[in-house]
C-alpha atoms as a PDB file:
ATOM      1  CA  MET A   1     -18.559  -6.183   0.908  1.00  0.00           C
ATOM      2  CA  THR A   2     -19.922  -7.951  -2.117  1.00  0.00           C
ATOM      3  CA  ASP A   3     -19.771  -4.883  -4.352  1.00  0.00           C
ATOM      4  CA  VAL A   4     -16.309  -3.730  -2.844  1.00  0.00           C
ATOM      5  CA  LEU A   5     -14.771  -7.277  -3.462  1.00  0.00           C
ATOM      6  CA  ALA A   6     -16.246  -7.269  -6.725  1.00  0.00           C
ATOM      7  CA  ALA A   7     -14.423  -3.893  -7.756  1.00  0.00           C
ATOM      8  CA  PHE A   8     -11.257  -5.247  -6.177  1.00  0.00           C
ATOM      9  CA  GLU A   9     -11.659  -8.471  -8.493  1.00  0.00           C
ATOM     10  CA  ALA A  10     -12.506  -6.301 -11.547  1.00  0.00           C
ATOM     11  CA  ALA A  11      -9.495  -4.168 -11.210  1.00  0.00           C
ATOM     12  CA  LYS A  12      -5.867  -4.592 -12.841  1.00  0.00           C
ATOM     13  CA  GLY A  13      -3.481  -5.971 -10.365  1.00  0.00           C
ATOM     14  CA  PHE A  14      -1.469  -8.971  -8.870  1.00  0.00           C
ATOM     15  CA  MET A  15      -3.184  -9.252  -5.191  1.00  0.00           C
ATOM     16  CA  PRO A  16      -4.989 -12.351  -4.422  1.00  0.00           C
ATOM     17  CA  VAL A  17      -8.373 -12.433  -2.939  1.00  0.00           C
ATOM     18  CA  ASP A  18      -7.564 -13.739   0.391  1.00  0.00           C
ATOM     19  CA  GLU A  19      -4.836 -11.131   0.554  1.00  0.00           C
ATOM     20  CA  GLY A  20      -7.535  -8.641  -0.169  1.00  0.00           C
ATOM     21  CA  LEU A  21      -9.760  -9.594   2.364  1.00  0.00           C
ATOM     22  CA  ALA A  22      -6.889  -9.623   5.043  1.00  0.00           C
ATOM     23  CA  LEU A  23      -6.150  -6.094   4.050  1.00  0.00           C
ATOM     24  CA  TYR A  24      -9.438  -5.085   3.545  1.00  0.00           C
ATOM     25  CA  ALA A  25     -10.234  -6.274   7.507  1.00  0.00           C
ATOM     26  CA  ALA A  26      -6.812  -4.417   8.667  1.00  0.00           C
ATOM     27  CA  ALA A  27      -8.099  -1.445   6.951  1.00  0.00           C
ATOM     28  CA  LYS A  28     -11.567  -1.445   8.496  1.00  0.00           C
ATOM     29  CA  GLU A  29     -10.222  -2.046  12.145  1.00  0.00           C
ATOM     30  CA  ALA A  30      -7.754   0.663  11.828  1.00  0.00           C
ATOM     31  CA  ALA A  31     -10.058   3.470  10.363  1.00  0.00           C
ATOM     32  CA  ALA A  32     -12.670   2.408  13.040  1.00  0.00           C
ATOM     33  CA  GLY A  33     -10.367   2.461  15.803  1.00  0.00           C
ATOM     34  CA  LEU A  34      -8.116   5.575  15.130  1.00  0.00           C
ATOM     35  CA  GLY A  35     -10.151   7.785  12.712  1.00  0.00           C
ATOM     36  CA  LEU A  36      -6.820   8.264  10.748  1.00  0.00           C
ATOM     37  CA  PRO A  37      -5.815   8.643   7.165  1.00  0.00           C
ATOM     38  CA  LEU A  38      -4.749   5.404   5.590  1.00  0.00           C
ATOM     39  CA  LEU A  39      -1.952   5.353   3.407  1.00  0.00           C
ATOM     40  CA  GLU A  40      -0.349   2.690   0.716  1.00  0.00           C
ATOM     41  CA  VAL A  41       2.709   2.992  -1.273  1.00  0.00           C
ATOM     42  CA  GLY A  42       2.356   1.723  -4.333  1.00  0.00           C
ATOM     43  CA  THR A  43      -0.663   2.432  -6.126  1.00  0.00           C
ATOM     44  CA  TYR A  44      -0.116   0.610  -9.663  1.00  0.00           C
ATOM     45  CA  CYS A  45      -3.726   0.656 -11.095  1.00  0.00           C
ATOM     46  CA  GLY A  46      -5.527   0.852  -7.961  1.00  0.00           C
ATOM     47  CA  ARG A  47      -7.034  -2.570  -7.018  1.00  0.00           C
ATOM     48  CA  SER A  48      -5.767  -2.610  -3.337  1.00  0.00           C
ATOM     49  CA  THR A  49      -6.876   0.873  -3.215  1.00  0.00           C
ATOM     50  CA  ILE A  50     -10.546   0.211  -3.654  1.00  0.00           C
ATOM     51  CA  LEU A  51     -10.097  -1.616  -0.301  1.00  0.00           C
ATOM     52  CA  LEU A  52      -8.544   1.399   1.590  1.00  0.00           C
ATOM     53  CA  ALA A  53     -10.936   3.691   0.208  1.00  0.00           C
ATOM     54  CA  ASP A  54     -14.279   2.130   1.142  1.00  0.00           C
ATOM     55  CA  ALA A  55     -12.640   1.201   4.638  1.00  0.00           C
ATOM     56  CA  ALA A  56     -11.969   4.906   5.245  1.00  0.00           C
ATOM     57  CA  ARG A  57     -14.883   5.848   3.882  1.00  0.00           C
ATOM     58  CA  SER A  58     -16.923   3.955   6.162  1.00  0.00           C
ATOM     59  CA  ALA A  59     -15.142   5.542   9.223  1.00  0.00           C
ATOM     60  CA  GLY A  60     -15.108   9.329   7.851  1.00  0.00           C
ATOM     61  CA  THR A  61     -11.557   9.260   6.959  1.00  0.00           C
ATOM     62  CA  VAL A  62      -9.697   8.977   3.962  1.00  0.00           C
ATOM     63  CA  ALA A  63      -7.171   6.837   1.966  1.00  0.00           C
ATOM     64  CA  VAL A  64      -4.073   8.297   0.662  1.00  0.00           C
ATOM     65  CA  THR A  65      -2.086   6.182  -2.113  1.00  0.00           C
ATOM     66  CA  VAL A  66       1.246   7.215  -3.229  1.00  0.00           C
ATOM     67  CA  ASP A  67       3.096   6.410  -6.626  1.00  0.00           C
ATOM     68  CA  HIS A  68       5.120   7.958  -9.298  1.00  0.00           C
ATOM     69  CA  HIS A  69       3.197   5.592 -11.863  1.00  0.00           C
ATOM     70  CA  ARG A  70       5.836   4.751 -13.988  1.00  0.00           C
ATOM     71  CA  GLY A  71       5.891   1.138 -12.645  1.00  0.00           C
ATOM     72  CA  SER A  72       8.186  -0.646 -10.645  1.00  0.00           C
ATOM     73  CA  GLU A  73      11.076  -2.444 -11.614  1.00  0.00           C
ATOM     74  CA  GLU A  74       9.448  -5.848 -12.806  1.00  0.00           C
ATOM     75  CA  GLN A  75       7.015  -3.937 -14.746  1.00  0.00           C
ATOM     76  CA  GLN A  76       9.556  -2.449 -17.050  1.00  0.00           C
ATOM     77  CA  PRO A  77       9.438  -4.101 -20.735  1.00  0.00           C
ATOM     78  CA  GLY A  78      10.859  -7.258 -20.936  1.00  0.00           C
ATOM     79  CA  TRP A  79      10.158  -8.269 -17.175  1.00  0.00           C
ATOM     80  CA  GLU A  80       7.899 -10.710 -15.974  1.00  0.00           C
ATOM     81  CA  TYR A  81       4.717  -8.037 -14.793  1.00  0.00           C
ATOM     82  CA  HIS A  82       4.917  -5.877 -17.869  1.00  0.00           C
ATOM     83  CA  ASP A  83       1.618  -4.453 -19.502  1.00  0.00           C
ATOM     84  CA  ALA A  84       2.315  -3.344 -22.752  1.00  0.00           C
ATOM     85  CA  SER A  85      -1.497  -1.858 -22.419  1.00  0.00           C
ATOM     86  CA  LEU A  86      -0.014   0.727 -20.050  1.00  0.00           C
ATOM     87  CA  VAL A  87       2.782   2.181 -21.871  1.00  0.00           C
ATOM     88  CA  ASP A  88       1.733   5.671 -22.969  1.00  0.00           C
ATOM     89  CA  PRO A  89       2.453   6.041 -26.731  1.00  0.00           C
ATOM     90  CA  ALA A  90       3.286   9.589 -26.436  1.00  0.00           C
ATOM     91  CA  THR A  91       6.181   9.061 -23.880  1.00  0.00           C
ATOM     92  CA  GLY A  92       7.224   4.998 -24.426  1.00  0.00           C
ATOM     93  CA  ARG A  93       7.120   4.662 -20.582  1.00  0.00           C
ATOM     94  CA  MET A  94       4.791   3.119 -18.259  1.00  0.00           C
ATOM     95  CA  ASP A  95       1.968   5.267 -16.894  1.00  0.00           C
ATOM     96  CA  THR A  96      -0.534   3.469 -14.707  1.00  0.00           C
ATOM     97  CA  LEU A  97      -2.251   6.883 -13.745  1.00  0.00           C
ATOM     98  CA  PRO A  98      -5.231   6.756 -16.019  1.00  0.00           C
ATOM     99  CA  GLN A  99      -5.915   3.003 -15.339  1.00  0.00           C
ATOM    100  CA  PHE A 100      -6.039   4.226 -11.522  1.00  0.00           C
ATOM    101  CA  ARG A 101      -8.580   6.759 -12.462  1.00  0.00           C
ATOM    102  CA  ARG A 102     -10.743   4.660 -14.424  1.00  0.00           C
ATOM    103  CA  THR A 103     -10.387   1.619 -11.307  1.00  0.00           C
ATOM    104  CA  LEU A 104     -11.420   4.634  -8.693  1.00  0.00           C
ATOM    105  CA  TYR A 105     -14.340   5.812 -11.130  1.00  0.00           C
ATOM    106  CA  ALA A 106     -16.197   2.771 -11.639  1.00  0.00           C
ATOM    107  CA  ALA A 107     -15.705   1.453  -8.062  1.00  0.00           C
ATOM    108  CA  GLY A 108     -17.467   4.812  -6.945  1.00  0.00           C
ATOM    109  CA  LEU A 109     -14.795   5.714  -4.623  1.00  0.00           C
ATOM    110  CA  GLU A 110     -13.384   8.752  -6.537  1.00  0.00           C
ATOM    111  CA  ASP A 111     -14.115  11.241  -3.548  1.00  0.00           C
ATOM    112  CA  ASP A 112     -12.652   8.936  -0.744  1.00  0.00           C
ATOM    113  CA  VAL A 113      -9.098   8.986  -2.382  1.00  0.00           C
ATOM    114  CA  ILE A 114      -6.086  11.414  -2.154  1.00  0.00           C
ATOM    115  CA  ALA A 115      -3.525  10.244  -5.010  1.00  0.00           C
ATOM    116  CA  VAL A 116      -0.134  11.662  -4.559  1.00  0.00           C
ATOM    117  CA  VAL A 117       1.701  11.487  -7.829  1.00  0.00           C
ATOM    118  CA  GLY A 118       5.362  11.535  -6.917  1.00  0.00           C
ATOM    119  CA  ARG A 119       8.148   9.288  -5.341  1.00  0.00           C
ATOM    120  CA  SER A 120       7.602   7.940  -1.791  1.00  0.00           C
ATOM    121  CA  PRO A 121      10.631   9.041  -0.091  1.00  0.00           C
ATOM    122  CA  GLN A 122      10.232  12.645  -1.278  1.00  0.00           C
ATOM    123  CA  VAL A 123       6.524  12.864  -0.272  1.00  0.00           C
ATOM    124  CA  ALA A 124       7.291  11.247   3.387  1.00  0.00           C
ATOM    125  CA  LYS A 125       9.753  14.031   3.820  1.00  0.00           C
ATOM    126  CA  LEU A 126       6.585  16.640   3.525  1.00  0.00           C
ATOM    127  CA  TRP A 127       4.292  14.504   5.350  1.00  0.00           C
ATOM    128  CA  ARG A 128       3.524  15.183   8.954  1.00  0.00           C
ATOM    129  CA  GLN A 129      -0.030  13.998  10.337  1.00  0.00           C
ATOM    130  CA  PRO A 130       0.071  10.517  12.075  1.00  0.00           C
ATOM    131  CA  LEU A 131      -1.737   7.447   9.914  1.00  0.00           C
ATOM    132  CA  GLY A 132      -3.878   4.653  11.061  1.00  0.00           C
ATOM    133  CA  LEU A 133      -2.605   2.538   8.643  1.00  0.00           C
ATOM    134  CA  VAL A 134       0.498   2.290   6.235  1.00  0.00           C
ATOM    135  CA  PHE A 135       0.465  -0.159   3.620  1.00  0.00           C
ATOM    136  CA  ILE A 136       4.023  -1.018   1.879  1.00  0.00           C
ATOM    137  CA  ASP A 137       3.935  -2.261  -1.451  1.00  0.00           C
ATOM    138  CA  GLY A 138       5.764  -0.198  -3.922  1.00  0.00           C
ATOM    139  CA  GLY A 139       9.190  -1.050  -5.275  1.00  0.00           C
ATOM    140  CA  HIS A 140      10.781  -4.436  -4.377  1.00  0.00           C
ATOM    141  CA  THR A 141      14.497  -3.812  -4.338  1.00  0.00           C
ATOM    142  CA  ASP A 142      16.065  -3.419  -0.926  1.00  0.00           C
ATOM    143  CA  GLU A 143      16.736   0.478  -2.012  1.00  0.00           C
ATOM    144  CA  HIS A 144      12.761   1.307  -2.586  1.00  0.00           C
ATOM    145  CA  ALA A 145      11.365  -1.064   0.056  1.00  0.00           C
ATOM    146  CA  GLY A 146      13.892   0.412   2.896  1.00  0.00           C
ATOM    147  CA  ALA A 147      13.127   3.735   1.812  1.00  0.00           C
ATOM    148  CA  ASP A 148       9.413   3.124   1.932  1.00  0.00           C
ATOM    149  CA  PHE A 149       9.752   1.685   5.696  1.00  0.00           C
ATOM    150  CA  GLU A 150      11.687   4.624   6.561  1.00  0.00           C
ATOM    151  CA  GLY A 151       9.795   7.206   5.609  1.00  0.00           C
ATOM    152  CA  TRP A 152       6.317   5.651   6.037  1.00  0.00           C
ATOM    153  CA  ALA A 153       6.968   3.559   9.696  1.00  0.00           C
ATOM    154  CA  PRO A 154       7.356   6.377  11.633  1.00  0.00           C
ATOM    155  CA  LEU A 155       4.150   7.850  11.115  1.00  0.00           C
ATOM    156  CA  VAL A 156       1.864   4.756  12.108  1.00  0.00           C
ATOM    157  CA  ALA A 157       0.086   6.010  15.144  1.00  0.00           C
ATOM    158  CA  GLU A 158       0.551   3.796  18.274  1.00  0.00           C
ATOM    159  CA  GLY A 159      -2.099   0.991  18.161  1.00  0.00           C
ATOM    160  CA  GLY A 160      -2.048   1.636  14.015  1.00  0.00           C
ATOM    161  CA  LEU A 161      -1.029  -1.049  11.594  1.00  0.00           C
ATOM    162  CA  LEU A 162       1.811  -1.415   9.455  1.00  0.00           C
ATOM    163  CA  VAL A 163       0.939  -3.979   6.257  1.00  0.00           C
ATOM    164  CA  VAL A 164       3.589  -5.462   4.299  1.00  0.00           C
ATOM    165  CA  HIS A 165       3.120  -7.317   0.869  1.00  0.00           C
ATOM    166  CA  ASP A 166       5.455  -9.975  -1.044  1.00  0.00           C
ATOM    167  CA  VAL A 167       6.973 -11.140   2.259  1.00  0.00           C
ATOM    168  CA  PHE A 168       8.579 -14.466   1.368  1.00  0.00           C
ATOM    169  CA  PRO A 169      10.428 -15.905   3.670  1.00  0.00           C
ATOM    170  CA  ASP A 170      11.730 -18.566   1.208  1.00  0.00           C
ATOM    171  CA  PRO A 171      13.884 -16.925  -1.444  1.00  0.00           C
ATOM    172  CA  ALA A 172      12.895 -19.709  -4.037  1.00  0.00           C
ATOM    173  CA  ASP A 173       9.009 -17.841  -3.789  1.00  0.00           C
ATOM    174  CA  GLY A 174      10.010 -14.441  -4.279  1.00  0.00           C
ATOM    175  CA  GLY A 175      12.187 -11.438  -3.855  1.00  0.00           C
ATOM    176  CA  GLN A 176      13.602 -10.892  -0.256  1.00  0.00           C
ATOM    177  CA  ALA A 177      13.429  -6.764   0.158  1.00  0.00           C
ATOM    178  CA  PRO A 178       9.971  -6.907   1.579  1.00  0.00           C
ATOM    179  CA  TYR A 179      10.777  -9.758   3.804  1.00  0.00           C
ATOM    180  CA  ARG A 180      13.782  -7.956   5.278  1.00  0.00           C
ATOM    181  CA  VAL A 181      11.561  -5.057   5.819  1.00  0.00           C
ATOM    182  CA  TYR A 182       9.040  -6.870   7.796  1.00  0.00           C
ATOM    183  CA  ARG A 183      12.084  -8.374   9.762  1.00  0.00           C
ATOM    184  CA  ARG A 184      13.069  -5.131  10.497  1.00  0.00           C
ATOM    185  CA  ALA A 185       9.732  -3.891  11.510  1.00  0.00           C
ATOM    186  CA  LEU A 186       9.533  -6.709  14.334  1.00  0.00           C
ATOM    187  CA  SER A 187      13.414  -6.647  15.357  1.00  0.00           C
ATOM    188  CA  GLY A 188      13.066  -2.917  16.328  1.00  0.00           C
ATOM    189  CA  GLY A 189      10.427  -3.821  19.205  1.00  0.00           C
ATOM    190  CA  ASP A 190       7.729  -1.335  17.981  1.00  0.00           C
ATOM    191  CA  PHE A 191       5.934  -3.443  15.989  1.00  0.00           C
ATOM    192  CA  THR A 192       4.324  -7.184  16.746  1.00  0.00           C
ATOM    193  CA  GLU A 193       2.697  -9.206  14.251  1.00  0.00           C
ATOM    194  CA  VAL A 194      -1.027  -9.558  14.140  1.00  0.00           C
ATOM    195  CA  SER A 195      -1.689 -11.950  11.372  1.00  0.00           C
ATOM    196  CA  ALA A 196      -0.026 -13.238   8.120  1.00  0.00           C
ATOM    197  CA  THR A 197      -2.126 -14.393   4.951  1.00  0.00           C
ATOM    198  CA  GLY A 198      -0.309 -15.492   2.051  1.00  0.00           C
ATOM    199  CA  SER A 199       2.334 -13.049   1.337  1.00  0.00           C
ATOM    200  CA  LEU A 200       0.429 -10.309   3.549  1.00  0.00           C
ATOM    201  CA  ARG A 201       1.901  -9.214   6.864  1.00  0.00           C
ATOM    202  CA  VAL A 202      -0.187  -7.220   9.429  1.00  0.00           C
ATOM    203  CA  LEU A 203       1.696  -5.598  12.419  1.00  0.00           C
ATOM    204  CA  ARG A 204       0.584  -3.207  14.940  1.00  0.00           C
ATOM    205  CA  ARG A 205       2.630  -0.493  16.393  1.00  0.00           C
ATOM    206  CA  VAL A 206       2.731  -1.430  19.937  1.00  0.00           C
ATOM    207  CA  ARG A 207       5.087   1.314  21.504  1.00  0.00           C
ATOM    208  CA  GLY A 208       6.970   4.655  19.812  1.00  0.00           C
ATOM    209  CA  VAL A 209       5.736   8.102  18.447  1.00  0.00           C
ATOM    210  CA  ARG A 210       2.425   9.477  19.367  1.00  0.00           C
ATOM    211  CA  GLY A 211       1.107  11.945  16.915  1.00  0.00           C
ATOM    212  CA  VAL A 212       3.457  14.153  14.622  1.00  0.00           C
ATOM    213  CA  ARG A 213       6.601  13.460  13.387  1.00  0.00           C
ATOM    214  CA  GLY A 214       9.035  16.602  13.908  1.00  0.00           C
END
Protein backbone atom coordinates (compact mmCIF):
# COMPACT_ATOMS: atom_id res chain seq x y z
CA MET A 1 0.00 0.00 0.00
CA THR A 2 2.90 2.36 0.71
CA ASP A 3 4.12 2.29 -2.91
CA VAL A 4 0.60 2.74 -4.28
CA LEU A 5 -0.09 5.67 -1.98
CA ALA A 6 3.23 7.29 -2.90
CA ALA A 7 2.40 6.95 -6.62
CA PHE A 8 -1.07 8.37 -5.98
CA GLU A 9 0.30 11.38 -4.12
CA ALA A 10 2.92 12.00 -6.81
CA ALA A 11 0.37 11.98 -9.65
CA LYS A 12 -1.24 15.15 -10.96
CA GLY A 13 -4.85 15.42 -9.84
CA PHE A 14 -7.30 16.71 -7.27
CA MET A 15 -8.48 13.82 -5.07
CA PRO A 16 -7.34 14.17 -1.45
CA VAL A 17 -5.66 11.27 0.31
CA ASP A 18 -8.57 10.34 2.59
CA GLU A 19 -10.93 10.02 -0.37
CA GLY A 20 -8.27 8.10 -2.28
CA LEU A 21 -7.95 5.61 0.55
CA ALA A 22 -11.73 5.15 0.62
CA LEU A 23 -11.78 4.58 -3.14
CA TYR A 24 -8.92 2.10 -2.87
CA ALA A 25 -10.71 0.15 -0.13
CA ALA A 26 -13.87 -0.01 -2.24
CA ALA A 27 -11.89 -1.14 -5.29
CA LYS A 28 -10.08 -3.84 -3.34
CA GLU A 29 -13.37 -5.14 -1.96
CA ALA A 30 -15.12 -5.14 -5.32
CA ALA A 31 -12.21 -6.74 -7.16
CA ALA A 32 -11.71 -9.49 -4.60
CA GLY A 33 -15.39 -10.19 -4.10
CA LEU A 34 -16.57 -10.36 -7.71
CA GLY A 35 -13.45 -10.70 -9.85
CA LEU A 36 -14.99 -8.37 -12.43
CA PRO A 37 -13.38 -5.35 -14.11
CA LEU A 38 -13.34 -2.02 -12.31
CA LEU A 39 -14.26 1.04 -14.40
CA GLU A 40 -13.88 4.75 -13.90
CA VAL A 41 -15.36 7.59 -15.91
CA GLY A 42 -13.04 10.59 -15.87
CA THR A 43 -9.34 9.72 -16.08
CA TYR A 44 -7.67 13.15 -16.15
CA CYS A 45 -3.98 12.33 -15.47
CA GLY A 46 -4.51 8.96 -13.78
CA ARG A 47 -4.32 9.79 -10.08
CA SER A 48 -7.33 7.64 -9.16
CA THR A 49 -6.59 5.12 -11.92
CA ILE A 50 -3.52 4.02 -9.96
CA LEU A 51 -5.73 2.89 -7.09
CA LEU A 52 -8.16 0.95 -9.28
CA ALA A 53 -5.33 -0.65 -11.24
CA ASP A 54 -3.51 -1.89 -8.16
CA ALA A 55 -6.73 -3.27 -6.69
CA ALA A 56 -7.56 -4.98 -9.98
CA ARG A 57 -4.10 -6.50 -10.30
CA SER A 58 -4.29 -7.98 -6.81
CA ALA A 59 -7.47 -9.85 -7.80
CA GLY A 60 -6.42 -10.89 -11.29
CA THR A 61 -8.76 -8.54 -13.10
CA VAL A 62 -8.30 -5.20 -14.88
CA ALA A 63 -9.14 -1.52 -14.50
CA VAL A 64 -10.83 0.31 -17.36
CA THR A 65 -10.75 4.08 -17.58
CA VAL A 66 -12.87 6.17 -19.96
CA ASP A 67 -12.09 9.78 -20.92
CA HIS A 68 -11.90 11.94 -24.05
CA HIS A 69 -8.81 13.56 -22.49
CA ARG A 70 -9.81 17.08 -23.57
CA GLY A 71 -10.56 18.16 -20.03
CA SER A 72 -13.88 18.76 -18.30
CA GLU A 73 -15.64 22.11 -18.14
CA GLU A 74 -13.78 23.50 -15.15
CA GLN A 75 -10.39 22.57 -16.65
CA GLN A 76 -10.71 24.74 -19.74
CA PRO A 77 -8.71 28.00 -20.12
CA GLY A 78 -9.97 30.73 -17.83
CA TRP A 79 -11.51 28.32 -15.33
CA GLU A 80 -10.43 27.44 -11.80
CA TYR A 81 -8.84 24.06 -12.49
CA HIS A 82 -7.09 24.88 -15.75
CA ASP A 83 -3.49 23.64 -16.02
CA ALA A 84 -1.67 25.32 -18.91
CA SER A 85 1.00 22.61 -18.91
CA LEU A 86 -1.60 20.15 -20.22
CA VAL A 87 -2.41 22.16 -23.34
CA ASP A 88 -1.19 20.58 -26.56
CA PRO A 89 0.81 23.31 -28.38
CA ALA A 90 -0.01 21.77 -31.74
CA THR A 91 -3.78 22.04 -31.29
CA GLY A 92 -4.17 24.60 -28.51
CA ARG A 93 -6.51 22.19 -26.74
CA MET A 94 -6.30 20.32 -23.47
CA ASP A 95 -4.76 16.86 -23.84
CA THR A 96 -4.26 14.87 -20.64
CA LEU A 97 -3.50 11.59 -22.38
CA PRO A 98 0.33 11.96 -22.48
CA GLN A 99 0.48 12.82 -18.78
CA PHE A 100 -1.84 9.93 -17.98
CA ARG A 101 0.47 7.51 -19.76
CA ARG A 102 3.44 8.87 -17.84
CA THR A 103 1.53 8.40 -14.59
CA LEU A 104 0.88 4.72 -15.30
CA TYR A 105 4.45 4.15 -16.41
CA ALA A 106 5.84 5.72 -13.23
CA ALA A 107 3.53 3.56 -11.10
CA GLY A 108 4.41 0.36 -12.99
CA LEU A 109 0.75 -0.28 -13.81
CA GLU A 110 0.57 0.02 -17.60
CA ASP A 111 -0.35 -3.65 -18.05
CA ASP A 112 -3.23 -3.46 -15.57
CA VAL A 113 -5.24 -0.71 -17.27
CA ILE A 114 -7.32 -0.55 -20.43
CA ALA A 115 -7.56 3.11 -21.41
CA VAL A 116 -10.55 3.94 -23.59
CA VAL A 117 -10.27 7.32 -25.31
CA GLY A 118 -13.77 8.49 -26.10
CA ARG A 119 -16.88 10.11 -24.71
CA SER A 120 -18.53 8.20 -21.91
CA PRO A 121 -22.07 7.86 -23.35
CA GLN A 122 -20.72 6.54 -26.65
CA VAL A 123 -18.50 3.98 -24.95
CA ALA A 124 -21.28 2.90 -22.57
CA LYS A 125 -23.55 2.06 -25.51
CA LEU A 126 -20.98 -0.49 -26.71
CA TRP A 127 -20.17 -2.04 -23.33
CA ARG A 128 -21.82 -5.33 -22.38
CA GLN A 129 -19.72 -6.93 -19.63
CA PRO A 130 -20.89 -6.51 -16.02
CA LEU A 131 -18.62 -4.50 -13.75
CA GLY A 132 -17.57 -4.97 -10.15
CA LEU A 133 -17.20 -1.23 -9.57
CA VAL A 134 -18.08 1.94 -11.45
CA PHE A 135 -16.45 5.19 -10.34
CA ILE A 136 -18.16 8.32 -11.70
CA ASP A 137 -15.80 11.30 -11.77
CA GLY A 138 -16.23 12.84 -15.20
CA GLY A 139 -17.96 16.04 -16.27
CA HIS A 140 -19.75 17.87 -13.47
CA THR A 141 -22.71 19.31 -15.35
CA ASP A 142 -26.12 17.69 -15.02
CA GLU A 143 -25.91 16.66 -18.67
CA HIS A 144 -22.57 14.87 -18.31
CA ALA A 145 -22.94 13.43 -14.81
CA GLY A 146 -26.47 12.26 -15.61
CA ALA A 147 -25.34 10.58 -18.82
CA ASP A 148 -22.49 8.83 -16.99
CA PHE A 149 -24.93 7.47 -14.43
CA GLU A 150 -27.46 6.36 -17.05
CA GLY A 151 -24.79 4.71 -19.17
CA TRP A 152 -22.79 2.88 -16.53
CA ALA A 153 -24.83 2.33 -13.35
CA PRO A 154 -26.97 -0.40 -15.01
CA LEU A 155 -23.78 -2.38 -15.62
CA VAL A 156 -22.79 -2.64 -11.95
CA ALA A 157 -23.24 -6.29 -11.02
CA GLU A 158 -25.42 -7.24 -8.09
CA GLY A 159 -23.26 -6.83 -4.98
CA GLY A 160 -20.93 -4.48 -6.88
CA LEU A 161 -20.17 -0.89 -6.01
CA LEU A 162 -21.07 2.48 -7.51
CA VAL A 163 -18.75 5.27 -6.36
CA VAL A 164 -19.56 8.94 -6.97
CA HIS A 165 -17.02 11.72 -6.45
CA ASP A 166 -17.55 15.42 -5.66
CA VAL A 167 -20.84 14.92 -3.87
CA PHE A 168 -21.62 18.17 -2.04
CA PRO A 169 -24.98 18.35 -0.24
CA ASP A 170 -24.37 22.07 0.42
CA PRO A 171 -24.28 24.12 -2.82
CA ALA A 172 -21.81 26.47 -1.14
CA ASP A 173 -19.22 23.66 -1.20
CA GLY A 174 -19.42 22.75 -4.86
CA GLY A 175 -21.52 21.92 -7.91
CA GLN A 176 -24.66 19.89 -7.43
CA ALA A 177 -24.72 17.55 -10.42
CA PRO A 178 -22.81 14.68 -8.71
CA TYR A 179 -25.00 15.13 -5.62
CA ARG A 180 -28.11 14.77 -7.75
CA VAL A 181 -26.68 11.61 -9.32
CA TYR A 182 -25.99 10.22 -5.85
CA ARG A 183 -29.54 10.99 -4.69
CA ARG A 184 -30.93 9.50 -7.87
CA ALA A 185 -29.05 6.26 -7.30
CA LEU A 186 -30.44 5.95 -3.79
CA SER A 187 -33.99 6.91 -4.71
CA GLY A 188 -34.31 4.12 -7.27
CA GLY A 189 -33.93 1.42 -4.63
CA ASP A 190 -31.24 -0.48 -6.51
CA PHE A 191 -28.38 0.95 -4.43
CA THR A 192 -27.74 1.46 -0.74
CA GLU A 193 -25.06 3.66 0.80
CA VAL A 194 -21.97 1.94 2.19
CA SER A 195 -19.75 4.85 3.19
CA ALA A 196 -19.11 8.58 2.87
CA THR A 197 -15.61 10.07 3.02
CA GLY A 198 -15.31 13.76 2.24
CA SER A 199 -17.08 14.16 -1.10
CA LEU A 200 -16.78 10.46 -2.00
CA ARG A 201 -19.85 8.24 -1.73
CA VAL A 202 -19.76 4.44 -2.02
CA LEU A 203 -23.01 2.65 -2.86
CA ARG A 204 -23.73 -1.06 -3.25
CA ARG A 205 -26.11 -2.57 -5.79
CA VAL A 206 -28.59 -4.59 -3.78
CA ARG A 207 -31.00 -5.47 -6.55
CA GLY A 208 -31.33 -5.13 -10.28
CA VAL A 209 -29.77 -6.64 -13.35
CA ARG A 210 -27.55 -9.68 -13.16
CA GLY A 211 -24.93 -10.03 -15.84
CA VAL A 212 -24.98 -8.38 -19.23
CA ARG A 213 -27.26 -5.62 -20.39
CA GLY A 214 -29.19 -6.66 -23.50
